[in-house]
Amino acid sequence: MTHYTLYASPLGNLLIAAEPDGISGLWFEGQKNAPCPASADGPDPSQPLLAAAVGWLDAYFSGQRPPALPPLLLRGTAFQLAVWRQLTLIPYGTTTTYQAIGQAVARLQGRRHLSAQAVGQAVGRNPVSLMVPCHRVIGSNGHLTGYAGGIGRKRRLLELEQAIILPELIGVSSTKR
């Protein structure tokens, strides 16, 4: 059974979904691909995964590096799961590109190349935003592109993490000030 709660973040409400084995969803209210549950009240103390997610979000939005992630329950295609695993490797306060993610996944799969567009589609279907940090992926030209929660939120999340985005550093796998 899936349990839901709403979290009031500085960037708008977040809907958190938890199942017995892990956090299965984290979406900004109104975000593309977000479910519309029949009810989502405050955190239910009988649901420790929801409490862990709220604690993680409290730390994140206070500008701290969040603690270890609560268990995640990600469901998708093998390709999506491979992309999402790469997203979890992007350190707090850094950025990388769709192209770099594609190169990493291609290497792991023994392929020569993956299209940045295919990677972008998988990134866009990420069901656990923030915890699986798709907001840290930018275009190869250094521009902020695509974010299901909106480009304005993506910019504010990167500002919160004090990440810098300099086109001249894009050849490097990540940037940080």
N, C-alpha and C. Protein backbone atom coordinates (compact mmCIF):
# COMPACT_ATOMS: atom_id res chain seq x y z
N MET A 1 0.83 -1.18 0.00
CA MET A 1 0.00 0.00 0.00
C MET A 1 0.88 1.25 0.00
N THR A 2 0.50 2.23 -0.78
CA THR A 2 1.25 3.47 -0.86
C THR A 2 0.65 4.49 0.11
N HIS A 3 1.53 5.11 0.89
CA HIS A 3 1.13 6.19 1.80
C HIS A 3 1.70 7.49 1.25
N TYR A 4 0.93 8.56 1.40
CA TYR A 4 1.33 9.86 0.88
C TYR A 4 1.35 10.89 2.00
N THR A 5 2.21 11.87 1.83
CA THR A 5 2.17 13.04 2.68
C THR A 5 2.58 14.25 1.86
N LEU A 6 2.17 15.41 2.32
CA LEU A 6 2.59 16.67 1.69
C LEU A 6 3.67 17.30 2.55
N TYR A 7 4.64 17.86 1.88
CA TYR A 7 5.73 18.57 2.56
C TYR A 7 5.73 20.00 2.03
N ALA A 8 5.65 20.95 2.93
CA ALA A 8 5.64 22.37 2.54
C ALA A 8 7.09 22.85 2.40
N SER A 9 7.58 22.90 1.17
CA SER A 9 8.94 23.36 0.92
C SER A 9 8.91 24.85 0.56
N PRO A 10 10.05 25.51 0.61
CA PRO A 10 10.11 26.92 0.20
C PRO A 10 9.79 27.12 -1.29
N LEU A 11 9.77 26.03 -2.06
CA LEU A 11 9.50 26.13 -3.49
C LEU A 11 8.12 25.57 -3.86
N GLY A 12 7.31 25.33 -2.86
CA GLY A 12 5.97 24.78 -3.09
C GLY A 12 5.83 23.42 -2.46
N ASN A 13 4.61 22.97 -2.36
CA ASN A 13 4.35 21.67 -1.75
C ASN A 13 4.97 20.54 -2.55
N LEU A 14 5.46 19.56 -1.81
CA LEU A 14 5.98 18.33 -2.39
C LEU A 14 5.10 17.18 -1.93
N LEU A 15 4.78 16.31 -2.84
CA LEU A 15 4.04 15.10 -2.52
C LEU A 15 5.05 13.97 -2.39
N ILE A 16 5.02 13.31 -1.24
CA ILE A 16 5.93 12.18 -0.99
C ILE A 16 5.10 10.91 -0.97
N ALA A 17 5.57 9.89 -1.68
CA ALA A 17 4.92 8.58 -1.68
C ALA A 17 5.88 7.56 -1.09
N ALA A 18 5.37 6.76 -0.18
CA ALA A 18 6.19 5.71 0.43
C ALA A 18 5.42 4.40 0.41
N GLU A 19 6.16 3.34 0.12
CA GLU A 19 5.64 1.99 0.18
C GLU A 19 6.44 1.27 1.26
N PRO A 20 6.06 0.08 1.65
CA PRO A 20 6.78 -0.59 2.73
C PRO A 20 8.28 -0.71 2.51
N ASP A 21 8.72 -0.81 1.23
CA ASP A 21 10.14 -1.02 0.96
C ASP A 21 10.92 0.24 0.59
N GLY A 22 10.26 1.38 0.49
CA GLY A 22 11.03 2.58 0.16
C GLY A 22 10.18 3.73 -0.33
N ILE A 23 10.85 4.86 -0.49
CA ILE A 23 10.21 6.06 -1.06
C ILE A 23 10.05 5.80 -2.55
N SER A 24 8.83 5.89 -3.02
CA SER A 24 8.56 5.59 -4.44
C SER A 24 8.22 6.83 -5.25
N GLY A 25 8.08 7.96 -4.59
CA GLY A 25 7.77 9.17 -5.35
C GLY A 25 8.01 10.42 -4.54
N LEU A 26 8.43 11.47 -5.24
CA LEU A 26 8.63 12.79 -4.65
C LEU A 26 8.46 13.79 -5.77
N TRP A 27 7.34 14.52 -5.74
CA TRP A 27 7.01 15.44 -6.82
C TRP A 27 6.57 16.78 -6.27
N PHE A 28 6.91 17.84 -7.00
CA PHE A 28 6.33 19.14 -6.69
C PHE A 28 4.87 19.11 -7.10
N GLU A 29 4.05 19.78 -6.33
CA GLU A 29 2.63 19.85 -6.63
C GLU A 29 2.43 20.36 -8.05
N GLY A 30 1.63 19.64 -8.82
CA GLY A 30 1.36 20.02 -10.20
C GLY A 30 2.43 19.61 -11.18
N GLN A 31 3.47 18.93 -10.73
CA GLN A 31 4.57 18.51 -11.59
C GLN A 31 4.10 17.47 -12.59
N LYS A 32 4.67 17.53 -13.77
CA LYS A 32 4.38 16.54 -14.79
C LYS A 32 4.63 15.14 -14.23
N ASN A 33 3.74 14.21 -14.54
CA ASN A 33 3.82 12.80 -14.12
C ASN A 33 3.52 12.56 -12.64
N ALA A 34 3.13 13.59 -11.89
CA ALA A 34 2.80 13.38 -10.48
C ALA A 34 1.40 12.78 -10.36
N PRO A 35 1.23 11.86 -9.42
CA PRO A 35 -0.11 11.30 -9.22
C PRO A 35 -0.99 12.29 -8.47
N CYS A 36 -2.25 12.02 -8.46
CA CYS A 36 -3.21 12.81 -7.68
C CYS A 36 -3.88 11.86 -6.69
N PRO A 37 -3.25 11.64 -5.54
CA PRO A 37 -3.83 10.69 -4.58
C PRO A 37 -5.12 11.24 -4.00
N ALA A 38 -5.95 10.33 -3.52
CA ALA A 38 -7.21 10.73 -2.91
C ALA A 38 -6.98 11.58 -1.67
N SER A 39 -5.92 11.28 -0.93
CA SER A 39 -5.61 12.08 0.25
C SER A 39 -4.12 12.06 0.50
N ALA A 40 -3.64 13.15 1.04
CA ALA A 40 -2.25 13.28 1.45
C ALA A 40 -2.22 14.25 2.61
N ASP A 41 -2.17 13.71 3.81
CA ASP A 41 -2.18 14.54 5.00
C ASP A 41 -0.75 14.78 5.46
N GLY A 42 -0.61 15.28 6.67
CA GLY A 42 0.71 15.46 7.25
C GLY A 42 1.37 14.11 7.46
N PRO A 43 2.65 14.12 7.82
CA PRO A 43 3.36 12.85 8.00
C PRO A 43 2.67 11.96 9.03
N ASP A 44 2.52 10.73 8.68
CA ASP A 44 1.92 9.73 9.55
C ASP A 44 3.05 9.12 10.38
N PRO A 45 3.02 9.30 11.71
CA PRO A 45 4.12 8.79 12.54
C PRO A 45 4.29 7.28 12.46
N SER A 46 3.26 6.59 11.98
CA SER A 46 3.39 5.13 11.85
C SER A 46 4.13 4.75 10.57
N GLN A 47 4.50 5.72 9.77
CA GLN A 47 5.20 5.46 8.52
C GLN A 47 6.63 6.02 8.61
N PRO A 48 7.58 5.23 9.11
CA PRO A 48 8.93 5.74 9.32
C PRO A 48 9.62 6.22 8.04
N LEU A 49 9.28 5.65 6.89
CA LEU A 49 9.91 6.10 5.65
C LEU A 49 9.48 7.53 5.31
N LEU A 50 8.22 7.85 5.57
CA LEU A 50 7.77 9.23 5.34
C LEU A 50 8.49 10.18 6.28
N ALA A 51 8.64 9.77 7.54
CA ALA A 51 9.37 10.61 8.51
C ALA A 51 10.82 10.79 8.07
N ALA A 52 11.44 9.74 7.56
CA ALA A 52 12.83 9.84 7.09
C ALA A 52 12.92 10.79 5.89
N ALA A 53 11.94 10.72 5.00
CA ALA A 53 11.93 11.62 3.84
C ALA A 53 11.76 13.06 4.28
N VAL A 54 10.89 13.31 5.24
CA VAL A 54 10.69 14.67 5.75
C VAL A 54 11.98 15.17 6.40
N GLY A 55 12.66 14.34 7.17
CA GLY A 55 13.93 14.73 7.78
C GLY A 55 14.98 15.07 6.73
N TRP A 56 15.01 14.28 5.68
CA TRP A 56 15.96 14.54 4.58
C TRP A 56 15.65 15.88 3.93
N LEU A 57 14.37 16.12 3.65
CA LEU A 57 13.96 17.38 3.02
C LEU A 57 14.21 18.58 3.93
N ASP A 58 13.98 18.42 5.23
CA ASP A 58 14.26 19.50 6.18
C ASP A 58 15.74 19.91 6.10
N ALA A 59 16.62 18.93 6.09
CA ALA A 59 18.05 19.22 6.00
C ALA A 59 18.37 19.87 4.66
N TYR A 60 17.85 19.31 3.58
CA TYR A 60 18.13 19.83 2.25
C TYR A 60 17.72 21.29 2.14
N PHE A 61 16.49 21.61 2.52
CA PHE A 61 16.00 22.96 2.35
C PHE A 61 16.57 23.95 3.37
N SER A 62 17.24 23.45 4.40
CA SER A 62 17.91 24.35 5.32
C SER A 62 19.32 24.70 4.82
N GLY A 63 19.66 24.17 3.64
CA GLY A 63 20.96 24.47 3.05
C GLY A 63 22.07 23.53 3.48
N GLN A 64 21.73 22.49 4.20
CA GLN A 64 22.73 21.51 4.63
C GLN A 64 22.81 20.37 3.63
N ARG A 65 23.93 19.70 3.62
CA ARG A 65 23.99 18.45 2.86
C ARG A 65 23.09 17.47 3.58
N PRO A 66 22.13 16.91 2.88
CA PRO A 66 21.21 16.00 3.56
C PRO A 66 21.89 14.72 4.02
N PRO A 67 21.30 14.06 5.02
CA PRO A 67 21.86 12.78 5.47
C PRO A 67 21.69 11.73 4.37
N ALA A 68 22.09 10.53 4.68
CA ALA A 68 21.94 9.42 3.72
C ALA A 68 20.48 9.33 3.30
N LEU A 69 20.29 8.94 2.07
CA LEU A 69 18.94 8.80 1.54
C LEU A 69 18.18 7.70 2.27
N PRO A 70 16.88 7.92 2.47
CA PRO A 70 16.08 6.78 2.93
C PRO A 70 16.03 5.76 1.80
N PRO A 71 15.63 4.54 2.07
CA PRO A 71 15.53 3.55 0.99
C PRO A 71 14.60 4.07 -0.12
N LEU A 72 15.03 3.86 -1.35
CA LEU A 72 14.23 4.26 -2.50
C LEU A 72 13.68 3.02 -3.19
N LEU A 73 12.49 3.16 -3.73
CA LEU A 73 11.86 2.09 -4.49
C LEU A 73 11.56 2.65 -5.88
N LEU A 74 12.51 2.47 -6.79
CA LEU A 74 12.39 3.02 -8.14
C LEU A 74 11.89 1.96 -9.09
N ARG A 75 10.91 2.34 -9.89
CA ARG A 75 10.36 1.42 -10.89
C ARG A 75 10.45 2.08 -12.25
N GLY A 76 11.01 1.37 -13.20
CA GLY A 76 11.13 1.88 -14.56
C GLY A 76 11.74 0.82 -15.43
N THR A 77 12.03 1.22 -16.66
CA THR A 77 12.70 0.30 -17.58
C THR A 77 14.15 0.13 -17.14
N ALA A 78 14.82 -0.86 -17.68
CA ALA A 78 16.24 -1.07 -17.35
C ALA A 78 17.05 0.17 -17.70
N PHE A 79 16.74 0.80 -18.83
CA PHE A 79 17.45 2.01 -19.23
C PHE A 79 17.19 3.15 -18.25
N GLN A 80 15.93 3.36 -17.87
CA GLN A 80 15.62 4.42 -16.91
C GLN A 80 16.34 4.18 -15.59
N LEU A 81 16.32 2.95 -15.11
CA LEU A 81 16.99 2.65 -13.84
C LEU A 81 18.48 2.92 -13.93
N ALA A 82 19.10 2.61 -15.07
CA ALA A 82 20.53 2.88 -15.25
C ALA A 82 20.80 4.38 -15.21
N VAL A 83 19.95 5.16 -15.86
CA VAL A 83 20.12 6.62 -15.85
C VAL A 83 19.91 7.15 -14.44
N TRP A 84 18.87 6.69 -13.77
CA TRP A 84 18.59 7.19 -12.42
C TRP A 84 19.70 6.84 -11.45
N ARG A 85 20.32 5.66 -11.62
CA ARG A 85 21.47 5.30 -10.78
C ARG A 85 22.60 6.30 -10.98
N GLN A 86 22.82 6.71 -12.23
CA GLN A 86 23.87 7.70 -12.49
C GLN A 86 23.52 9.04 -11.84
N LEU A 87 22.25 9.39 -11.84
CA LEU A 87 21.85 10.65 -11.21
C LEU A 87 22.19 10.65 -9.72
N THR A 88 22.03 9.50 -9.07
CA THR A 88 22.32 9.44 -7.63
C THR A 88 23.81 9.62 -7.33
N LEU A 89 24.64 9.52 -8.35
CA LEU A 89 26.09 9.68 -8.16
C LEU A 89 26.55 11.13 -8.31
N ILE A 90 25.66 12.03 -8.72
CA ILE A 90 26.03 13.44 -8.88
C ILE A 90 26.08 14.06 -7.49
N PRO A 91 27.25 14.50 -7.05
CA PRO A 91 27.36 15.04 -5.69
C PRO A 91 26.56 16.34 -5.50
N TYR A 92 26.15 16.55 -4.28
CA TYR A 92 25.48 17.77 -3.86
C TYR A 92 26.32 18.97 -4.31
N GLY A 93 25.67 19.97 -4.88
CA GLY A 93 26.36 21.19 -5.27
C GLY A 93 27.13 21.09 -6.57
N THR A 94 26.94 20.03 -7.33
CA THR A 94 27.64 19.91 -8.61
C THR A 94 26.61 19.72 -9.72
N THR A 95 27.07 19.91 -10.94
CA THR A 95 26.22 19.67 -12.10
C THR A 95 26.96 18.78 -13.08
N THR A 96 26.20 18.16 -13.94
CA THR A 96 26.76 17.40 -15.04
C THR A 96 25.81 17.57 -16.22
N THR A 97 26.13 16.96 -17.33
CA THR A 97 25.33 17.14 -18.54
C THR A 97 24.61 15.85 -18.92
N TYR A 98 23.58 16.00 -19.74
CA TYR A 98 22.88 14.83 -20.28
C TYR A 98 23.87 13.98 -21.06
N GLN A 99 24.75 14.64 -21.79
CA GLN A 99 25.75 13.93 -22.59
C GLN A 99 26.67 13.09 -21.68
N ALA A 100 27.13 13.66 -20.57
CA ALA A 100 28.01 12.93 -19.66
C ALA A 100 27.29 11.74 -19.04
N ILE A 101 26.03 11.93 -18.69
CA ILE A 101 25.24 10.81 -18.14
C ILE A 101 25.12 9.72 -19.21
N GLY A 102 24.83 10.12 -20.45
CA GLY A 102 24.72 9.16 -21.55
C GLY A 102 26.01 8.39 -21.76
N GLN A 103 27.15 9.09 -21.68
CA GLN A 103 28.44 8.42 -21.85
C GLN A 103 28.68 7.41 -20.74
N ALA A 104 28.34 7.77 -19.51
CA ALA A 104 28.54 6.86 -18.38
C ALA A 104 27.66 5.62 -18.52
N VAL A 105 26.39 5.82 -18.87
CA VAL A 105 25.48 4.67 -19.03
C VAL A 105 25.93 3.81 -20.20
N ALA A 106 26.35 4.43 -21.29
CA ALA A 106 26.82 3.66 -22.46
C ALA A 106 28.01 2.79 -22.08
N ARG A 107 28.96 3.35 -21.33
CA ARG A 107 30.13 2.57 -20.90
C ARG A 107 29.70 1.37 -20.07
N LEU A 108 28.77 1.60 -19.14
CA LEU A 108 28.30 0.51 -18.29
C LEU A 108 27.58 -0.58 -19.08
N GLN A 109 26.94 -0.19 -20.17
CA GLN A 109 26.20 -1.14 -20.99
C GLN A 109 27.03 -1.69 -22.14
N GLY A 110 28.31 -1.30 -22.21
CA GLY A 110 29.17 -1.78 -23.28
C GLY A 110 28.80 -1.23 -24.65
N ARG A 111 28.22 -0.03 -24.66
CA ARG A 111 27.82 0.61 -25.91
C ARG A 111 28.75 1.77 -26.19
N ARG A 112 28.78 2.17 -27.44
CA ARG A 112 29.64 3.30 -27.83
C ARG A 112 28.99 4.64 -27.56
N HIS A 113 27.66 4.69 -27.63
CA HIS A 113 27.00 5.98 -27.59
C HIS A 113 25.55 5.83 -27.16
N LEU A 114 25.04 6.81 -26.47
CA LEU A 114 23.61 6.94 -26.17
C LEU A 114 23.24 8.38 -26.47
N SER A 115 22.07 8.58 -27.01
CA SER A 115 21.68 9.95 -27.33
C SER A 115 21.31 10.73 -26.08
N ALA A 116 21.70 12.00 -26.08
CA ALA A 116 21.35 12.88 -24.97
C ALA A 116 19.84 13.00 -24.84
N GLN A 117 19.13 12.92 -25.97
CA GLN A 117 17.66 13.01 -25.93
C GLN A 117 17.06 11.82 -25.18
N ALA A 118 17.58 10.62 -25.42
CA ALA A 118 17.08 9.44 -24.71
C ALA A 118 17.35 9.58 -23.21
N VAL A 119 18.53 10.08 -22.89
CA VAL A 119 18.86 10.31 -21.49
C VAL A 119 17.91 11.35 -20.90
N GLY A 120 17.65 12.43 -21.65
CA GLY A 120 16.75 13.47 -21.18
C GLY A 120 15.35 12.94 -20.91
N GLN A 121 14.88 12.04 -21.76
CA GLN A 121 13.55 11.45 -21.53
C GLN A 121 13.54 10.62 -20.25
N ALA A 122 14.59 9.85 -20.02
CA ALA A 122 14.66 9.05 -18.80
C ALA A 122 14.77 9.95 -17.58
N VAL A 123 15.58 10.99 -17.66
CA VAL A 123 15.72 11.94 -16.55
C VAL A 123 14.35 12.55 -16.25
N GLY A 124 13.61 12.92 -17.28
CA GLY A 124 12.31 13.54 -17.12
C GLY A 124 11.27 12.64 -16.48
N ARG A 125 11.48 11.34 -16.52
CA ARG A 125 10.54 10.39 -15.90
C ARG A 125 10.95 9.99 -14.48
N ASN A 126 11.97 10.62 -13.95
CA ASN A 126 12.44 10.34 -12.60
C ASN A 126 11.30 10.54 -11.60
N PRO A 127 10.90 9.48 -10.87
CA PRO A 127 9.77 9.62 -9.97
C PRO A 127 10.13 10.18 -8.58
N VAL A 128 11.41 10.31 -8.28
CA VAL A 128 11.82 10.75 -6.95
C VAL A 128 12.75 11.96 -7.08
N SER A 129 12.16 13.08 -7.53
CA SER A 129 12.98 14.27 -7.74
C SER A 129 13.62 14.70 -6.42
N LEU A 130 14.66 15.46 -6.52
CA LEU A 130 15.52 15.92 -5.43
C LEU A 130 16.36 14.79 -4.87
N MET A 131 15.76 13.72 -4.40
CA MET A 131 16.54 12.61 -3.85
C MET A 131 17.32 11.91 -4.95
N VAL A 132 16.73 11.78 -6.10
CA VAL A 132 17.43 11.35 -7.31
C VAL A 132 17.59 12.66 -8.09
N PRO A 133 18.75 13.31 -7.96
CA PRO A 133 18.89 14.73 -8.30
C PRO A 133 18.93 15.09 -9.78
N CYS A 134 17.80 14.96 -10.44
CA CYS A 134 17.73 15.30 -11.85
C CYS A 134 17.92 16.80 -12.10
N HIS A 135 17.71 17.62 -11.07
CA HIS A 135 17.90 19.07 -11.24
C HIS A 135 19.38 19.43 -11.44
N ARG A 136 20.28 18.52 -11.19
CA ARG A 136 21.72 18.77 -11.35
C ARG A 136 22.22 18.48 -12.76
N VAL A 137 21.31 18.12 -13.66
CA VAL A 137 21.70 17.83 -15.04
C VAL A 137 21.34 19.03 -15.90
N ILE A 138 22.33 19.51 -16.65
CA ILE A 138 22.17 20.69 -17.49
C ILE A 138 22.56 20.37 -18.93
N GLY A 139 22.26 21.29 -19.83
CA GLY A 139 22.63 21.11 -21.23
C GLY A 139 24.14 21.24 -21.43
N SER A 140 24.64 20.67 -22.51
CA SER A 140 26.08 20.71 -22.80
C SER A 140 26.58 22.14 -22.99
N ASN A 141 25.67 23.05 -23.34
CA ASN A 141 26.06 24.44 -23.53
C ASN A 141 26.01 25.23 -22.23
N GLY A 142 25.70 24.56 -21.12
CA GLY A 142 25.64 25.23 -19.82
C GLY A 142 24.27 25.79 -19.49
N HIS A 143 23.31 25.65 -20.39
CA HIS A 143 21.98 26.17 -20.14
C HIS A 143 21.16 25.21 -19.28
N LEU A 144 20.28 25.79 -18.49
CA LEU A 144 19.34 24.98 -17.73
C LEU A 144 18.27 24.52 -18.70
N THR A 145 18.09 23.24 -18.82
CA THR A 145 17.09 22.69 -19.72
C THR A 145 16.24 21.71 -18.96
N GLY A 146 15.02 21.57 -19.39
CA GLY A 146 14.09 20.59 -18.88
C GLY A 146 14.14 20.29 -17.40
N TYR A 147 13.04 20.47 -16.75
CA TYR A 147 12.87 20.03 -15.37
C TYR A 147 11.37 19.94 -15.15
N ALA A 148 10.90 18.76 -14.77
CA ALA A 148 9.45 18.55 -14.63
C ALA A 148 8.84 19.50 -13.59
N GLY A 149 9.63 19.97 -12.64
CA GLY A 149 9.15 20.90 -11.63
C GLY A 149 9.23 22.35 -12.07
N GLY A 150 9.77 22.59 -13.28
CA GLY A 150 9.90 23.94 -13.81
C GLY A 150 11.32 24.46 -13.72
N ILE A 151 11.73 25.18 -14.75
CA ILE A 151 13.11 25.71 -14.82
C ILE A 151 13.39 26.66 -13.66
N GLY A 152 12.40 27.46 -13.26
CA GLY A 152 12.61 28.37 -12.12
C GLY A 152 12.98 27.60 -10.86
N ARG A 153 12.31 26.51 -10.61
CA ARG A 153 12.65 25.69 -9.44
C ARG A 153 14.03 25.08 -9.59
N LYS A 154 14.35 24.61 -10.79
CA LYS A 154 15.66 24.02 -11.03
C LYS A 154 16.75 25.03 -10.68
N ARG A 155 16.58 26.26 -11.15
CA ARG A 155 17.56 27.32 -10.86
C ARG A 155 17.67 27.54 -9.36
N ARG A 156 16.54 27.61 -8.67
CA ARG A 156 16.56 27.86 -7.23
C ARG A 156 17.18 26.70 -6.46
N LEU A 157 16.95 25.47 -6.90
CA LEU A 157 17.58 24.32 -6.25
C LEU A 157 19.09 24.37 -6.40
N LEU A 158 19.56 24.70 -7.59
CA LEU A 158 21.01 24.81 -7.81
C LEU A 158 21.60 25.97 -7.00
N GLU A 159 20.85 27.06 -6.89
CA GLU A 159 21.30 28.18 -6.05
C GLU A 159 21.39 27.76 -4.59
N LEU A 160 20.39 27.01 -4.12
CA LEU A 160 20.40 26.52 -2.74
C LEU A 160 21.65 25.69 -2.48
N GLU A 161 22.03 24.88 -3.45
CA GLU A 161 23.22 24.03 -3.31
C GLU A 161 24.51 24.79 -3.61
N GLN A 162 24.37 26.04 -4.00
CA GLN A 162 25.51 26.87 -4.38
C GLN A 162 26.32 26.25 -5.51
N ALA A 163 25.62 25.61 -6.42
CA ALA A 163 26.26 25.04 -7.61
C ALA A 163 26.50 26.16 -8.61
N ILE A 164 27.56 26.08 -9.34
CA ILE A 164 27.80 27.06 -10.39
C ILE A 164 27.71 26.36 -11.73
N ILE A 165 27.30 27.12 -12.71
CA ILE A 165 27.14 26.58 -14.06
C ILE A 165 27.91 27.50 -14.99
N LEU A 166 29.08 27.08 -15.39
CA LEU A 166 29.89 27.88 -16.29
C LEU A 166 30.11 27.11 -17.58
N PRO A 167 29.65 27.64 -18.72
CA PRO A 167 29.81 26.91 -19.98
C PRO A 167 31.24 26.46 -20.25
N GLU A 168 32.23 27.26 -19.82
CA GLU A 168 33.61 26.86 -20.11
C GLU A 168 34.05 25.64 -19.31
N LEU A 169 33.30 25.26 -18.27
CA LEU A 169 33.64 24.09 -17.49
C LEU A 169 32.85 22.85 -17.90
N ILE A 170 31.99 22.99 -18.89
CA ILE A 170 31.09 21.90 -19.24
C ILE A 170 31.85 20.68 -19.75
N GLY A 171 33.03 20.84 -20.29
CA GLY A 171 33.81 19.69 -20.73
C GLY A 171 34.21 18.80 -19.58
N VAL A 172 34.14 19.33 -18.36
CA VAL A 172 34.45 18.59 -17.15
C VAL A 172 33.15 17.92 -16.69
N SER A 173 33.24 16.79 -16.03
CA SER A 173 32.02 16.06 -15.67
C SER A 173 31.16 16.77 -14.65
N SER A 174 31.72 17.66 -13.85
CA SER A 174 30.90 18.38 -12.90
C SER A 174 31.58 19.68 -12.50
N THR A 175 30.79 20.58 -11.93
CA THR A 175 31.32 21.87 -11.49
C THR A 175 30.87 22.12 -10.06
N LYS A 176 31.68 22.88 -9.33
CA LYS A 176 31.34 23.25 -7.96
C LYS A 176 32.14 24.49 -7.62
N ARG A 177 31.53 25.38 -6.84
CA ARG A 177 32.34 26.51 -6.38
C ARG A 177 32.91 26.24 -5.04
